[in-house]
Amino acid sequence: MIKRSLLVLPFLVVGSIAEAEETSYPKLSGTLELELEDDWVYKSEDSSQELNDLYPTISLGAQLAFTENFSFNLEATAEPVRDAVENRAFEDQGYYVGLLTANYDTERFSIYAGKFTPNFGIAWDATPGMFGTDINGDYELAEMLGFGGSVNFSAAGEHTVSASVFSLDTSFLSDSFGTSRGPILKSDGGAANTEDLSNFTLALDGNFKALEAFTYHAGFSSLTDGVDGDKNQLGYVFGGQYEISVSDAVTLMPLAEIAYFDNAGAINGDTATYVTAGLGLTYDQWFGSATYQRRDTETGGVDNDDYIAAFSVGYAFDIGIEVTAGWGIAEEENIQRETLGFAAYYAIDF
């Protein structure tokens, strides 16, 4: 899957005062994203993994602004909510709400409450190309309930410090309509599945005037153990991107991130390390990428190393449609596989 984010908290765009004076409220705006993807595992050391999966992904990101500063925000998604176990086409589609917040945003600070993704890591969202988020997506803190905020400041550049407290969503919104993915219960266990606000993240994002094309992210997370755990999971992440304008037509965007988790999965002594490296390239209406993700885990004293290397190329047509083709080689749980992927994408703003 090609990961695209519609609304990223806590960094919702705030318009200028002049723009606000020209806007009437309430105002509804957003983006509807349509994607059709086909993933073909044509070679695997486990023949049961050799299959073709054709599926659509529909994402709606919407904002209902009541004033210049106060708004409600929604992100809803339709996609397969079960893993493919045989050849599949347009099956197992589930419809769910991934984000639902009330926001108060100014040029200096933001606060929000509801269901959201706490600010921890960028690779799971920003790594370019097909298959670029298949491993680092493990540490996306998706679908949490709580509240948070951020403050912007200047110091040799522009920076934002953010914090949030939360727990895993166990409400009816944790299920999906259509094909049910099953509601999450506290008895299911897992880190952050606590039904209280004992979990938190802290993060710092920004850039420097001396290197404006470089953006960085540093984050810390503490997730309390659920009913099946015995130790808080502590996470540390640092990543960055650098936009290099080679010419008017050519832009390079290298990205790198490392994340480390102590007591991974809220199990005492288990660890996990994630490394992501990627390079995006645009040339006029062409775009391409090369990415590498690695996951090294120690679970119950047993080491396991997984990786995915992928390459993609695509073209953006004048009518707004983007098409992408990708190839990836992966090894997970000591089983190697190779995959070809094709995707078509179109977005409608309103």
Protein backbone atom coordinates (compact mmCIF):
# COMPACT_ATOMS: atom_id res chain seq x y z
CA MET A 1 0.00 0.00 0.00
CA ILE A 2 1.07 3.57 -0.70
CA LYS A 3 0.55 5.44 2.55
CA ARG A 4 -0.98 8.89 2.27
CA SER A 5 -2.07 11.04 5.20
CA LEU A 6 -5.09 13.32 4.92
CA LEU A 7 -4.99 15.03 8.30
CA VAL A 8 -1.85 14.99 10.45
CA LEU A 9 -2.16 16.08 14.07
CA PRO A 10 -1.13 18.36 15.58
CA PHE A 11 -0.07 20.18 12.42
CA LEU A 12 -3.32 21.22 10.77
CA VAL A 13 -2.77 24.19 8.49
CA VAL A 14 -3.92 27.50 9.92
CA GLY A 15 -4.73 30.26 7.44
CA SER A 16 -3.68 33.85 7.78
CA ILE A 17 -5.87 36.48 9.40
CA ALA A 18 -6.48 38.07 6.01
CA GLU A 19 -7.70 34.75 4.64
CA ALA A 20 -9.94 34.25 7.67
CA GLU A 21 -11.60 37.61 7.12
CA GLU A 22 -12.60 36.50 3.61
CA THR A 23 -14.00 33.16 4.81
CA SER A 24 -17.57 32.65 5.98
CA TYR A 25 -18.34 30.12 8.70
CA PRO A 26 -19.22 27.36 9.19
CA LYS A 27 -17.01 26.05 6.38
CA LEU A 28 -16.70 22.44 5.22
CA SER A 29 -13.55 21.38 3.36
CA GLY A 30 -11.58 18.23 2.77
CA THR A 31 -10.20 15.63 0.40
CA LEU A 32 -11.62 12.38 -0.97
CA GLU A 33 -8.86 10.00 -2.06
CA LEU A 34 -9.52 7.02 -4.33
CA GLU A 35 -6.93 4.30 -4.90
CA LEU A 36 -6.97 0.95 -6.65
CA GLU A 37 -4.01 -1.34 -5.97
CA ASP A 38 -2.97 -4.80 -7.07
CA ASP A 39 -0.25 -6.69 -5.16
CA TRP A 40 1.05 -9.93 -6.68
CA VAL A 41 3.34 -12.13 -4.58
CA TYR A 42 4.77 -14.12 -7.48
CA LYS A 43 7.58 -15.86 -5.61
CA SER A 44 7.85 -17.03 -2.00
CA GLU A 45 9.70 -19.67 -0.02
CA ASP A 46 6.26 -20.45 1.43
CA SER A 47 4.03 -21.26 -1.55
CA SER A 48 0.88 -20.42 0.44
CA GLN A 49 1.96 -16.76 0.30
CA GLU A 50 1.93 -16.72 -3.52
CA LEU A 51 -1.29 -14.89 -4.32
CA ASN A 52 -2.80 -11.85 -6.01
CA ASP A 53 -4.67 -9.18 -4.03
CA LEU A 54 -6.71 -6.52 -5.88
CA TYR A 55 -8.35 -3.97 -3.61
CA PRO A 56 -9.59 -0.37 -3.41
CA THR A 57 -8.80 2.12 -0.66
CA ILE A 58 -11.09 5.11 -0.16
CA SER A 59 -10.15 7.81 2.35
CA LEU A 60 -12.16 10.86 3.33
CA GLY A 61 -10.53 13.67 5.28
CA ALA A 62 -12.89 16.48 6.23
CA GLN A 63 -12.83 19.59 8.39
CA LEU A 64 -15.87 21.52 9.58
CA ALA A 65 -14.58 24.91 10.74
CA PHE A 66 -16.89 26.98 12.94
CA THR A 67 -14.46 29.87 13.36
CA GLU A 68 -10.94 30.72 12.24
CA ASN A 69 -9.64 28.61 15.14
CA PHE A 70 -12.25 26.01 16.17
CA SER A 71 -13.06 22.97 14.05
CA PHE A 72 -14.20 19.35 13.99
CA ASN A 73 -12.02 16.95 11.98
CA LEU A 74 -12.75 13.53 10.52
CA GLU A 75 -10.79 10.86 8.68
CA ALA A 76 -12.72 7.80 7.50
CA THR A 77 -11.33 4.90 5.49
CA ALA A 78 -12.64 1.97 3.46
CA GLU A 79 -10.11 -0.80 2.83
CA PRO A 80 -9.59 -4.55 3.38
CA VAL A 81 -9.56 -5.17 7.13
CA ARG A 82 -8.35 -8.77 6.92
CA ASP A 83 -5.15 -10.20 5.48
CA ALA A 84 -5.42 -12.02 2.17
CA VAL A 85 -4.96 -15.80 2.52
CA GLU A 86 -5.77 -16.63 -1.12
CA ASN A 87 -6.34 -14.78 -4.39
CA ARG A 88 -8.69 -11.91 -3.61
CA ALA A 89 -10.45 -9.11 -5.50
CA PHE A 90 -12.58 -6.40 -3.89
CA GLU A 91 -13.23 -8.50 -0.78
CA ASP A 92 -13.13 -8.00 3.00
CA GLN A 93 -13.82 -4.26 2.73
CA GLY A 94 -14.39 -2.54 6.05
CA TYR A 95 -15.37 1.06 6.75
CA TYR A 96 -14.02 2.75 9.87
CA VAL A 97 -13.22 6.09 11.48
CA GLY A 98 -9.52 6.58 12.16
CA LEU A 99 -9.65 10.19 13.33
CA LEU A 100 -12.39 12.26 14.95
CA THR A 101 -11.31 15.36 16.87
CA ALA A 102 -12.27 18.78 18.05
CA ASN A 103 -9.43 21.26 17.44
CA TYR A 104 -8.54 24.75 18.54
CA ASP A 105 -5.66 25.99 16.36
CA THR A 106 -3.81 29.29 16.34
CA GLU A 107 -0.55 30.38 14.77
CA ARG A 108 1.14 29.90 18.16
CA PHE A 109 -0.48 26.78 19.63
CA SER A 110 -2.99 23.98 19.03
CA ILE A 111 -5.08 21.78 21.32
CA TYR A 112 -7.27 18.84 20.34
CA ALA A 113 -9.31 16.02 21.84
CA GLY A 114 -10.92 12.88 20.48
CA LYS A 115 -9.64 9.97 18.41
CA PHE A 116 -6.29 10.60 16.72
CA THR A 117 -2.79 9.33 15.93
CA PRO A 118 -0.27 10.68 18.48
CA ASN A 119 2.79 12.37 17.02
CA PHE A 120 5.49 9.68 17.11
CA GLY A 121 7.62 8.90 14.07
CA ILE A 122 7.38 10.09 10.47
CA ALA A 123 8.59 7.10 8.42
CA TRP A 124 5.26 5.25 8.66
CA ASP A 125 3.63 8.26 6.97
CA ALA A 126 6.31 9.90 4.81
CA THR A 127 8.33 7.03 3.29
CA PRO A 128 7.71 7.22 -0.47
CA GLY A 129 6.62 4.55 -2.92
CA MET A 130 4.88 1.20 -2.80
CA PHE A 131 5.60 -1.04 0.21
CA GLY A 132 7.47 1.85 1.88
CA THR A 133 5.48 1.60 5.12
CA ASP A 134 4.94 -2.16 5.42
CA ILE A 135 7.34 -2.61 8.37
CA ASN A 136 7.68 0.83 9.99
CA GLY A 137 3.88 0.98 10.13
CA ASP A 138 4.25 -1.25 13.21
CA TYR A 139 4.90 1.78 15.40
CA GLU A 140 2.20 4.10 14.07
CA LEU A 141 0.12 4.84 17.18
CA ALA A 142 -3.15 4.76 15.28
CA GLU A 143 -6.66 5.13 16.67
CA MET A 144 -6.02 6.39 20.19
CA LEU A 145 -8.51 8.23 22.41
CA GLY A 146 -7.33 11.21 24.44
CA PHE A 147 -6.15 14.76 24.02
CA GLY A 148 -3.02 16.71 23.21
CA GLY A 149 -1.54 19.93 22.01
CA SER A 150 1.44 21.68 20.49
CA VAL A 151 3.32 24.97 20.76
CA ASN A 152 5.28 26.65 17.96
CA PHE A 153 8.44 28.64 18.66
CA SER A 154 11.38 30.19 16.83
CA ALA A 155 15.03 29.43 17.66
CA ALA A 156 17.41 29.56 14.70
CA GLY A 157 14.47 28.18 12.77
CA GLU A 158 10.87 27.12 13.28
CA HIS A 159 10.02 24.35 15.73
CA THR A 160 6.99 22.68 17.30
CA VAL A 161 6.90 20.83 20.60
CA SER A 162 3.90 18.54 21.09
CA ALA A 163 2.50 16.21 23.72
CA SER A 164 -0.49 13.91 24.07
CA VAL A 165 -2.06 11.51 26.57
CA PHE A 166 -4.29 8.66 25.44
CA SER A 167 -5.33 5.02 25.44
CA LEU A 168 -6.20 2.59 22.67
CA ASP A 169 -9.74 3.07 21.36
CA THR A 170 -12.01 0.37 22.79
CA SER A 171 -15.27 2.12 21.89
CA PHE A 172 -17.67 1.05 19.13
CA LEU A 173 -15.47 3.06 16.74
CA SER A 174 -12.75 0.41 17.08
CA ASP A 175 -14.89 -1.90 14.93
CA SER A 176 -15.57 -1.49 11.21
CA PHE A 177 -18.78 -1.53 9.22
CA GLY A 178 -19.21 -3.85 6.26
CA THR A 179 -16.62 -6.51 6.99
CA SER A 180 -16.08 -6.39 10.75
CA ARG A 181 -12.53 -6.24 12.00
CA GLY A 182 -13.89 -6.94 15.49
CA PRO A 183 -14.13 -4.38 18.30
CA ILE A 184 -11.10 -4.01 20.55
CA LEU A 185 -11.67 -5.02 24.17
CA LYS A 186 -9.54 -4.25 27.20
CA SER A 187 -9.25 -8.00 27.75
CA ASP A 188 -7.44 -8.26 24.40
CA GLY A 189 -4.40 -6.75 26.10
CA GLY A 190 -1.54 -5.03 24.37
CA ALA A 191 0.45 -1.88 25.07
CA ALA A 192 -1.70 1.25 25.58
CA ASN A 193 -4.89 -0.83 25.95
CA THR A 194 -5.60 0.58 29.39
CA GLU A 195 -8.83 2.64 29.12
CA ASP A 196 -7.11 5.47 31.01
CA LEU A 197 -4.73 8.31 30.18
CA SER A 198 -1.56 6.63 31.45
CA ASN A 199 0.05 6.57 27.98
CA PHE A 200 1.80 9.59 26.51
CA THR A 201 4.04 10.94 23.76
CA LEU A 202 6.40 13.90 23.55
CA ALA A 203 7.83 15.15 20.26
CA LEU A 204 9.85 17.94 18.71
CA ASP A 205 9.58 18.81 15.01
CA GLY A 206 11.10 21.60 13.00
CA ASN A 207 13.78 23.02 10.75
CA PHE A 208 16.69 25.46 10.90
CA LYS A 209 17.23 28.68 8.96
CA ALA A 210 20.71 27.57 7.98
CA LEU A 211 19.25 24.41 6.42
CA GLU A 212 15.62 25.21 5.65
CA ALA A 213 15.16 22.26 3.29
CA PHE A 214 15.88 19.83 6.16
CA THR A 215 13.11 18.88 8.58
CA TYR A 216 13.60 16.73 11.67
CA HIS A 217 11.47 14.76 14.12
CA ALA A 218 12.38 13.46 17.58
CA GLY A 219 9.89 11.60 19.72
CA PHE A 220 9.42 9.66 22.96
CA SER A 221 6.51 7.41 23.87
CA SER A 222 5.51 5.58 27.02
CA LEU A 223 2.82 2.91 26.67
CA THR A 224 1.48 1.23 29.80
CA ASP A 225 1.22 -2.56 29.81
CA GLY A 226 -2.23 -4.07 29.25
CA VAL A 227 -3.66 -7.13 30.95
CA ASP A 228 -1.17 -9.41 29.16
CA GLY A 229 1.94 -7.29 29.78
CA ASP A 230 4.29 -6.73 32.69
CA LYS A 231 6.31 -3.59 31.87
CA ASN A 232 5.75 -0.22 30.22
CA GLN A 233 6.96 0.00 26.63
CA LEU A 234 9.33 2.93 26.10
CA GLY A 235 9.91 4.17 22.55
CA TYR A 236 12.50 6.53 21.10
CA VAL A 237 12.53 7.79 17.52
CA PHE A 238 14.56 10.22 15.43
CA GLY A 239 14.10 10.95 11.77
CA GLY A 240 14.58 13.57 9.12
CA GLN A 241 13.94 14.55 5.50
CA TYR A 242 15.92 16.78 3.17
CA GLU A 243 14.50 18.29 -0.02
CA ILE A 244 17.22 18.81 -2.63
CA SER A 245 16.33 20.88 -5.70
CA VAL A 246 18.71 19.58 -8.37
CA SER A 247 17.09 21.74 -11.05
CA ASP A 248 13.73 23.33 -11.85
CA ALA A 249 12.50 19.91 -12.98
CA VAL A 250 14.33 17.52 -10.64
CA THR A 251 13.92 17.18 -6.87
CA LEU A 252 15.45 14.58 -4.54
CA MET A 253 14.02 13.80 -1.10
CA PRO A 254 16.15 11.51 1.10
CA LEU A 255 14.56 10.28 4.33
CA ALA A 256 15.96 8.33 7.27
CA GLU A 257 14.56 7.26 10.62
CA ILE A 258 15.50 4.96 13.49
CA ALA A 259 13.15 3.84 16.25
CA TYR A 260 13.99 1.76 19.32
CA PHE A 261 11.57 0.15 21.78
CA ASP A 262 12.49 -1.13 25.23
CA ASN A 263 10.10 -3.71 26.69
CA ALA A 264 8.52 -4.03 23.22
CA GLY A 265 4.88 -5.01 23.35
CA ALA A 266 4.96 -4.13 27.07
CA ILE A 267 6.87 -7.37 27.78
CA ASN A 268 9.84 -7.02 30.13
CA GLY A 269 13.16 -7.54 28.36
CA ASP A 270 11.83 -7.70 24.80
CA THR A 271 13.24 -5.12 22.38
CA ALA A 272 12.63 -3.92 18.82
CA THR A 273 14.68 -1.69 16.53
CA TYR A 274 13.40 -0.24 13.26
CA VAL A 275 15.50 1.41 10.56
CA THR A 276 14.06 3.14 7.50
CA ALA A 277 15.95 4.73 4.62
CA GLY A 278 14.32 6.10 1.51
CA LEU A 279 15.00 8.28 -1.50
CA GLY A 280 12.25 9.97 -3.47
CA LEU A 281 12.78 11.53 -6.90
CA THR A 282 10.55 13.74 -9.02
CA TYR A 283 11.26 14.74 -12.62
CA ASP A 284 8.54 16.87 -14.19
CA GLN A 285 5.50 14.58 -13.96
CA TRP A 286 7.53 11.43 -13.28
CA PHE A 287 8.32 10.22 -9.76
CA GLY A 288 10.22 7.31 -8.30
CA SER A 289 11.59 5.93 -5.06
CA ALA A 290 13.94 3.40 -3.48
CA THR A 291 13.31 2.34 0.12
CA TYR A 292 14.69 -0.04 2.73
CA GLN A 293 13.09 -1.01 6.03
CA ARG A 294 14.54 -3.28 8.70
CA ARG A 295 13.11 -4.67 11.93
CA ASP A 296 15.31 -6.38 14.51
CA THR A 297 13.44 -7.90 17.45
CA GLU A 298 14.33 -9.89 20.54
CA THR A 299 11.31 -11.74 21.93
CA GLY A 300 11.73 -14.10 24.85
CA GLY A 301 15.45 -14.23 24.18
CA VAL A 302 14.95 -15.17 20.50
CA ASP A 303 16.31 -12.80 17.83
CA ASN A 304 14.51 -12.21 14.55
CA ASP A 305 15.50 -9.89 11.69
CA ASP A 306 13.10 -8.80 8.92
CA TYR A 307 13.55 -6.45 5.99
CA ILE A 308 11.83 -5.03 2.90
CA ALA A 309 13.62 -3.38 -0.03
CA ALA A 310 11.41 -1.77 -2.66
CA PHE A 311 11.58 0.30 -5.84
CA SER A 312 8.76 2.28 -7.45
CA VAL A 313 8.19 4.46 -10.50
CA GLY A 314 5.12 6.48 -11.41
CA TYR A 315 3.60 9.22 -13.53
CA ALA A 316 1.16 12.02 -12.66
CA PHE A 317 -1.21 12.84 -15.52
CA ASP A 318 -2.52 16.36 -16.12
CA ILE A 319 -6.06 15.22 -15.24
CA GLY A 320 -4.90 14.41 -11.70
CA ILE A 321 -4.58 10.63 -11.93
CA GLU A 322 -1.34 9.07 -10.68
CA VAL A 323 -0.20 5.58 -11.67
CA THR A 324 2.58 3.68 -9.90
CA ALA A 325 4.39 0.38 -10.41
CA GLY A 326 6.60 -1.16 -7.75
CA TRP A 327 8.71 -4.19 -6.92
CA GLY A 328 9.75 -5.38 -3.50
CA ILE A 329 11.80 -8.16 -1.96
CA ALA A 330 11.17 -9.01 1.68
CA GLU A 331 12.15 -11.47 4.36
CA GLU A 332 9.85 -11.89 7.35
CA GLU A 333 10.00 -14.74 9.86
CA ASN A 334 12.85 -16.24 7.79
CA ILE A 335 10.63 -16.52 4.69
CA GLN A 336 11.66 -14.58 1.60
CA ARG A 337 9.16 -13.33 -0.98
CA GLU A 338 9.05 -11.06 -4.02
CA THR A 339 6.10 -8.82 -4.94
CA LEU A 340 4.98 -6.74 -7.91
CA GLY A 341 2.51 -3.94 -7.32
CA PHE A 342 0.45 -1.58 -9.44
CA ALA A 343 -1.69 1.33 -8.24
CA ALA A 344 -3.87 4.12 -9.61
CA TYR A 345 -4.72 7.15 -7.46
CA TYR A 346 -7.03 10.17 -7.75
CA ALA A 347 -7.92 12.88 -5.22
CA ILE A 348 -10.89 15.26 -5.12
CA ASP A 349 -10.65 18.40 -3.01
CA PHE A 350 -13.74 20.21 -1.77
